[in-house]
N, C-alpha and C. Protein backbone atom coordinates (compact mmCIF):
# COMPACT_ATOMS: atom_id res chain seq x y z
N MET A 1 53.90 -32.64 -66.80
CA MET A 1 53.10 -33.33 -65.82
C MET A 1 53.38 -32.73 -64.44
N LYS A 2 52.32 -32.47 -63.68
CA LYS A 2 52.45 -31.91 -62.33
C LYS A 2 52.73 -33.02 -61.34
N THR A 3 53.71 -32.80 -60.50
CA THR A 3 53.98 -33.80 -59.47
C THR A 3 53.88 -33.21 -58.07
N GLY A 4 53.51 -31.91 -57.95
CA GLY A 4 53.40 -31.28 -56.63
C GLY A 4 52.16 -31.74 -55.87
N GLN A 5 52.24 -31.64 -54.59
CA GLN A 5 51.11 -32.03 -53.75
C GLN A 5 50.06 -30.93 -53.76
N ARG A 6 48.83 -31.34 -53.57
CA ARG A 6 47.73 -30.39 -53.52
C ARG A 6 46.96 -30.63 -52.23
N GLY A 7 46.37 -29.58 -51.73
CA GLY A 7 45.57 -29.72 -50.51
C GLY A 7 45.76 -28.55 -49.58
N MET A 8 45.24 -28.69 -48.39
CA MET A 8 45.27 -27.62 -47.41
C MET A 8 46.40 -27.87 -46.41
N THR A 9 47.06 -26.80 -46.04
CA THR A 9 48.12 -26.92 -45.04
C THR A 9 47.51 -26.97 -43.65
N LEU A 10 48.31 -27.36 -42.69
CA LEU A 10 47.84 -27.40 -41.30
C LEU A 10 47.49 -26.00 -40.81
N ALA A 11 48.28 -25.01 -41.20
CA ALA A 11 48.00 -23.63 -40.79
C ALA A 11 46.66 -23.16 -41.38
N GLY A 12 46.42 -23.49 -42.64
CA GLY A 12 45.15 -23.13 -43.27
C GLY A 12 43.98 -23.81 -42.59
N LEU A 13 44.17 -25.08 -42.23
CA LEU A 13 43.13 -25.81 -41.53
C LEU A 13 42.84 -25.19 -40.17
N LEU A 14 43.87 -24.79 -39.43
CA LEU A 14 43.67 -24.18 -38.12
C LEU A 14 42.99 -22.82 -38.23
N VAL A 15 43.37 -22.01 -39.20
CA VAL A 15 42.73 -20.71 -39.40
C VAL A 15 41.26 -20.91 -39.77
N GLY A 16 40.99 -21.84 -40.66
CA GLY A 16 39.61 -22.12 -41.04
C GLY A 16 38.78 -22.62 -39.87
N ALA A 17 39.35 -23.49 -39.05
CA ALA A 17 38.64 -23.99 -37.87
C ALA A 17 38.37 -22.87 -36.87
N PHE A 18 39.34 -21.95 -36.72
CA PHE A 18 39.15 -20.82 -35.82
C PHE A 18 38.01 -19.93 -36.30
N VAL A 19 37.94 -19.65 -37.59
CA VAL A 19 36.88 -18.80 -38.14
C VAL A 19 35.52 -19.48 -37.94
N VAL A 20 35.44 -20.76 -38.20
CA VAL A 20 34.17 -21.49 -38.03
C VAL A 20 33.77 -21.50 -36.55
N ALA A 21 34.74 -21.73 -35.65
CA ALA A 21 34.44 -21.75 -34.22
C ALA A 21 33.97 -20.38 -33.73
N LEU A 22 34.60 -19.31 -34.21
CA LEU A 22 34.21 -17.95 -33.82
C LEU A 22 32.80 -17.64 -34.33
N GLY A 23 32.50 -18.04 -35.56
CA GLY A 23 31.15 -17.84 -36.10
C GLY A 23 30.11 -18.62 -35.32
N ALA A 24 30.43 -19.85 -34.94
CA ALA A 24 29.50 -20.66 -34.15
C ALA A 24 29.29 -20.05 -32.77
N LEU A 25 30.36 -19.56 -32.15
CA LEU A 25 30.24 -18.92 -30.84
C LEU A 25 29.34 -17.70 -30.90
N LEU A 26 29.56 -16.85 -31.89
CA LEU A 26 28.71 -15.66 -32.04
C LEU A 26 27.26 -16.05 -32.31
N GLY A 27 27.07 -17.03 -33.17
CA GLY A 27 25.71 -17.46 -33.48
C GLY A 27 24.98 -18.01 -32.27
N MET A 28 25.66 -18.82 -31.48
CA MET A 28 25.01 -19.42 -30.31
C MET A 28 24.70 -18.39 -29.23
N LYS A 29 25.43 -17.29 -29.21
CA LYS A 29 25.18 -16.28 -28.18
C LYS A 29 24.25 -15.17 -28.66
N VAL A 30 24.24 -14.86 -29.95
CA VAL A 30 23.46 -13.73 -30.46
C VAL A 30 22.06 -14.13 -30.89
N ILE A 31 21.91 -15.27 -31.52
CA ILE A 31 20.60 -15.68 -32.04
C ILE A 31 19.53 -15.76 -30.95
N PRO A 32 19.81 -16.30 -29.75
CA PRO A 32 18.76 -16.30 -28.72
C PRO A 32 18.31 -14.89 -28.30
N GLU A 33 19.22 -13.93 -28.35
CA GLU A 33 18.85 -12.55 -27.99
C GLU A 33 17.90 -11.96 -29.04
N TYR A 34 18.16 -12.23 -30.31
CA TYR A 34 17.26 -11.75 -31.35
C TYR A 34 15.91 -12.46 -31.30
N LEU A 35 15.90 -13.72 -30.94
CA LEU A 35 14.63 -14.43 -30.79
C LEU A 35 13.82 -13.85 -29.63
N GLU A 36 14.49 -13.51 -28.53
CA GLU A 36 13.79 -12.89 -27.41
C GLU A 36 13.27 -11.51 -27.81
N HIS A 37 14.03 -10.77 -28.60
CA HIS A 37 13.57 -9.46 -29.07
C HIS A 37 12.30 -9.61 -29.90
N ARG A 38 12.26 -10.61 -30.76
CA ARG A 38 11.05 -10.85 -31.55
C ARG A 38 9.86 -11.20 -30.67
N GLN A 39 10.11 -11.96 -29.60
CA GLN A 39 9.03 -12.27 -28.66
C GLN A 39 8.54 -11.01 -27.96
N ILE A 40 9.46 -10.13 -27.61
CA ILE A 40 9.07 -8.87 -26.94
C ILE A 40 8.23 -8.03 -27.88
N VAL A 41 8.65 -7.91 -29.14
CA VAL A 41 7.87 -7.13 -30.11
C VAL A 41 6.47 -7.72 -30.26
N GLY A 42 6.38 -9.04 -30.34
CA GLY A 42 5.07 -9.68 -30.45
C GLY A 42 4.20 -9.44 -29.23
N ALA A 43 4.80 -9.51 -28.04
CA ALA A 43 4.03 -9.28 -26.82
C ALA A 43 3.57 -7.83 -26.73
N VAL A 44 4.43 -6.90 -27.12
CA VAL A 44 4.07 -5.48 -27.08
C VAL A 44 2.92 -5.21 -28.05
N LYS A 45 2.99 -5.75 -29.25
CA LYS A 45 1.92 -5.54 -30.22
C LYS A 45 0.61 -6.18 -29.75
N LYS A 46 0.70 -7.34 -29.14
CA LYS A 46 -0.49 -8.03 -28.63
C LYS A 46 -1.15 -7.22 -27.52
N VAL A 47 -0.34 -6.69 -26.61
CA VAL A 47 -0.87 -5.90 -25.50
C VAL A 47 -1.48 -4.60 -26.01
N ALA A 48 -0.80 -3.95 -26.95
CA ALA A 48 -1.32 -2.68 -27.49
C ALA A 48 -2.61 -2.91 -28.27
N ALA A 49 -2.71 -4.02 -28.98
CA ALA A 49 -3.92 -4.30 -29.75
C ALA A 49 -5.11 -4.61 -28.84
N SER A 50 -4.83 -5.21 -27.69
CA SER A 50 -5.94 -5.56 -26.79
C SER A 50 -6.37 -4.39 -25.91
N ALA A 51 -5.57 -3.32 -25.87
CA ALA A 51 -5.92 -2.16 -25.04
C ALA A 51 -6.91 -1.28 -25.78
N ASP A 52 -7.86 -0.74 -25.03
CA ASP A 52 -8.80 0.21 -25.62
C ASP A 52 -8.55 1.60 -25.04
N ALA A 53 -9.40 2.55 -25.36
CA ALA A 53 -9.20 3.93 -24.93
C ALA A 53 -9.29 4.08 -23.41
N ALA A 54 -10.02 3.20 -22.73
CA ALA A 54 -10.18 3.30 -21.28
C ALA A 54 -9.09 2.59 -20.50
N THR A 55 -8.19 1.90 -21.18
CA THR A 55 -7.14 1.15 -20.51
C THR A 55 -6.08 2.10 -19.98
N GLY A 56 -5.71 1.91 -18.74
CA GLY A 56 -4.70 2.76 -18.11
C GLY A 56 -3.29 2.21 -18.30
N VAL A 57 -2.31 3.04 -17.95
CA VAL A 57 -0.91 2.67 -18.09
C VAL A 57 -0.58 1.46 -17.22
N ALA A 58 -1.07 1.45 -15.99
CA ALA A 58 -0.79 0.33 -15.09
C ALA A 58 -1.37 -0.97 -15.62
N GLN A 59 -2.54 -0.89 -16.25
CA GLN A 59 -3.15 -2.10 -16.82
C GLN A 59 -2.34 -2.63 -18.00
N VAL A 60 -1.80 -1.72 -18.81
CA VAL A 60 -0.97 -2.14 -19.94
C VAL A 60 0.31 -2.80 -19.43
N ARG A 61 0.92 -2.20 -18.42
CA ARG A 61 2.15 -2.79 -17.85
C ARG A 61 1.87 -4.18 -17.26
N ALA A 62 0.75 -4.30 -16.56
CA ALA A 62 0.40 -5.60 -15.97
C ALA A 62 0.11 -6.63 -17.05
N ALA A 63 -0.55 -6.21 -18.12
CA ALA A 63 -0.83 -7.13 -19.22
C ALA A 63 0.47 -7.59 -19.89
N PHE A 64 1.43 -6.68 -20.04
CA PHE A 64 2.72 -7.08 -20.61
C PHE A 64 3.44 -8.05 -19.68
N ASP A 65 3.41 -7.77 -18.38
CA ASP A 65 4.08 -8.68 -17.43
C ASP A 65 3.48 -10.08 -17.49
N ARG A 66 2.17 -10.18 -17.64
CA ARG A 66 1.53 -11.49 -17.76
C ARG A 66 1.97 -12.19 -19.05
N GLN A 67 2.00 -11.43 -20.15
CA GLN A 67 2.42 -12.01 -21.42
C GLN A 67 3.90 -12.39 -21.39
N ALA A 68 4.72 -11.58 -20.73
CA ALA A 68 6.15 -11.89 -20.61
C ALA A 68 6.36 -13.14 -19.78
N ASN A 69 5.53 -13.34 -18.78
CA ASN A 69 5.63 -14.54 -17.97
C ASN A 69 5.31 -15.79 -18.78
N VAL A 70 4.33 -15.69 -19.66
CA VAL A 70 3.95 -16.82 -20.51
C VAL A 70 5.04 -17.12 -21.53
N ASP A 71 5.63 -16.07 -22.11
CA ASP A 71 6.64 -16.23 -23.17
C ASP A 71 8.06 -16.34 -22.65
N TYR A 72 8.26 -16.36 -21.33
CA TYR A 72 9.58 -16.45 -20.71
C TYR A 72 10.49 -15.29 -21.14
N ILE A 73 9.95 -14.09 -21.16
CA ILE A 73 10.73 -12.89 -21.50
C ILE A 73 11.36 -12.37 -20.23
N THR A 74 12.68 -12.24 -20.21
CA THR A 74 13.38 -11.78 -19.02
C THR A 74 14.16 -10.49 -19.26
N ALA A 75 14.27 -10.04 -20.49
CA ALA A 75 15.10 -8.87 -20.80
C ALA A 75 14.48 -7.57 -20.28
N ILE A 76 13.15 -7.44 -20.34
CA ILE A 76 12.49 -6.23 -19.86
C ILE A 76 11.24 -6.63 -19.09
N THR A 77 10.71 -5.67 -18.35
CA THR A 77 9.46 -5.86 -17.62
C THR A 77 8.49 -4.75 -18.03
N GLY A 78 7.32 -4.81 -17.49
CA GLY A 78 6.32 -3.78 -17.78
C GLY A 78 6.77 -2.39 -17.36
N ALA A 79 7.60 -2.31 -16.33
CA ALA A 79 8.10 -1.01 -15.87
C ALA A 79 9.04 -0.36 -16.88
N ASP A 80 9.62 -1.14 -17.78
CA ASP A 80 10.55 -0.60 -18.78
C ASP A 80 9.85 -0.07 -20.02
N LEU A 81 8.56 -0.25 -20.11
CA LEU A 81 7.81 0.18 -21.29
C LEU A 81 7.50 1.67 -21.24
N GLU A 82 7.49 2.30 -22.41
CA GLU A 82 7.04 3.69 -22.53
C GLU A 82 5.68 3.64 -23.22
N ILE A 83 4.66 4.12 -22.52
CA ILE A 83 3.29 4.01 -23.02
C ILE A 83 2.75 5.41 -23.28
N THR A 84 2.32 5.65 -24.51
CA THR A 84 1.79 6.95 -24.91
C THR A 84 0.48 6.73 -25.66
N ARG A 85 -0.24 7.82 -25.86
CA ARG A 85 -1.47 7.78 -26.66
C ARG A 85 -1.25 8.66 -27.89
N GLU A 86 -1.53 8.09 -29.04
CA GLU A 86 -1.43 8.84 -30.29
C GLU A 86 -2.73 8.64 -31.07
N ALA A 87 -3.42 9.71 -31.32
CA ALA A 87 -4.69 9.68 -32.06
C ALA A 87 -5.69 8.73 -31.40
N GLY A 88 -5.71 8.72 -30.07
CA GLY A 88 -6.66 7.90 -29.33
C GLY A 88 -6.25 6.45 -29.15
N ALA A 89 -5.16 6.05 -29.77
CA ALA A 89 -4.70 4.67 -29.65
C ALA A 89 -3.48 4.61 -28.73
N ILE A 90 -3.34 3.51 -28.03
CA ILE A 90 -2.20 3.33 -27.14
C ILE A 90 -1.01 2.81 -27.94
N VAL A 91 0.13 3.48 -27.77
CA VAL A 91 1.37 3.07 -28.42
C VAL A 91 2.35 2.68 -27.33
N VAL A 92 2.84 1.45 -27.41
CA VAL A 92 3.78 0.93 -26.43
C VAL A 92 5.14 0.80 -27.12
N SER A 93 6.17 1.41 -26.52
CA SER A 93 7.51 1.31 -27.09
C SER A 93 8.50 0.93 -26.00
N PHE A 94 9.66 0.46 -26.42
CA PHE A 94 10.68 0.02 -25.47
C PHE A 94 12.05 0.17 -26.10
N ALA A 95 13.05 0.22 -25.25
CA ALA A 95 14.45 0.24 -25.68
C ALA A 95 15.27 -0.38 -24.55
N TYR A 96 16.17 -1.24 -24.92
CA TYR A 96 17.05 -1.86 -23.93
C TYR A 96 18.33 -2.31 -24.62
N GLU A 97 19.33 -2.56 -23.82
CA GLU A 97 20.58 -3.06 -24.38
C GLU A 97 20.95 -4.36 -23.67
N LYS A 98 21.62 -5.20 -24.40
CA LYS A 98 22.02 -6.50 -23.88
C LYS A 98 23.52 -6.65 -24.10
N ARG A 99 24.25 -6.92 -23.03
CA ARG A 99 25.69 -7.13 -23.11
C ARG A 99 25.95 -8.63 -23.03
N ILE A 100 26.63 -9.16 -24.05
CA ILE A 100 26.91 -10.58 -24.14
C ILE A 100 28.41 -10.80 -23.97
N PRO A 101 28.84 -11.43 -22.88
CA PRO A 101 30.27 -11.72 -22.74
C PRO A 101 30.69 -12.82 -23.71
N LEU A 102 31.77 -12.57 -24.45
CA LEU A 102 32.24 -13.56 -25.42
C LEU A 102 33.37 -14.39 -24.84
N PHE A 103 34.48 -13.76 -24.52
CA PHE A 103 35.61 -14.45 -23.91
C PHE A 103 36.50 -13.40 -23.26
N ALA A 104 37.14 -13.78 -22.17
CA ALA A 104 38.02 -12.89 -21.38
C ALA A 104 37.29 -11.58 -21.09
N ASN A 105 37.84 -10.46 -21.53
CA ASN A 105 37.21 -9.17 -21.27
C ASN A 105 36.55 -8.59 -22.53
N VAL A 106 36.19 -9.44 -23.47
CA VAL A 106 35.55 -9.01 -24.71
C VAL A 106 34.06 -9.31 -24.62
N SER A 107 33.26 -8.25 -24.86
CA SER A 107 31.80 -8.38 -24.82
C SER A 107 31.21 -7.80 -26.08
N LEU A 108 29.99 -8.21 -26.37
CA LEU A 108 29.24 -7.70 -27.50
C LEU A 108 28.03 -6.96 -26.94
N LEU A 109 27.83 -5.71 -27.37
CA LEU A 109 26.72 -4.90 -26.88
C LEU A 109 25.68 -4.78 -27.98
N LEU A 110 24.46 -5.20 -27.70
CA LEU A 110 23.36 -5.12 -28.66
C LEU A 110 22.33 -4.12 -28.13
N ASP A 111 21.92 -3.18 -28.97
CA ASP A 111 20.87 -2.21 -28.64
C ASP A 111 19.59 -2.61 -29.35
N PHE A 112 18.51 -2.79 -28.59
CA PHE A 112 17.24 -3.17 -29.15
C PHE A 112 16.22 -2.06 -28.88
N THR A 113 15.41 -1.77 -29.87
CA THR A 113 14.29 -0.84 -29.71
C THR A 113 13.10 -1.44 -30.46
N GLY A 114 11.93 -1.01 -30.09
CA GLY A 114 10.74 -1.47 -30.79
C GLY A 114 9.51 -0.70 -30.33
N SER A 115 8.45 -0.87 -31.07
CA SER A 115 7.21 -0.18 -30.76
C SER A 115 6.04 -0.98 -31.32
N SER A 116 4.89 -0.76 -30.74
CA SER A 116 3.68 -1.42 -31.25
C SER A 116 3.20 -0.74 -32.52
N LYS A 117 3.74 0.40 -32.84
CA LYS A 117 3.33 1.17 -34.00
C LYS A 117 3.97 0.67 -35.29
N GLU A 118 5.09 -0.01 -35.19
CA GLU A 118 5.85 -0.45 -36.38
C GLU A 118 5.16 -1.53 -37.13
């Protein structure tokens, strides 16, 4: 017959709580950045789809700025977009990085890229 105690030690509980807290911290700081990236991709595709052959670069940038204002996009502006023409169609692409401070002098660097062609 077993008479030993079973269960989790205090040290195990503290390590588990630390892992859960670290995961929650990363999730709360990283998920909004990925959501904003998805909004940027959607805005870029919307602007590129509405542009025709006569649309100029300045008009595309202004259209993105208007869409970014509506969607509360703050990571990039129309000036950060790279606008090219491929086979008569306008292709809008972008690249940016986001530095997220975690704690003390530790930061997380995320590189985002996207295009209306994808």
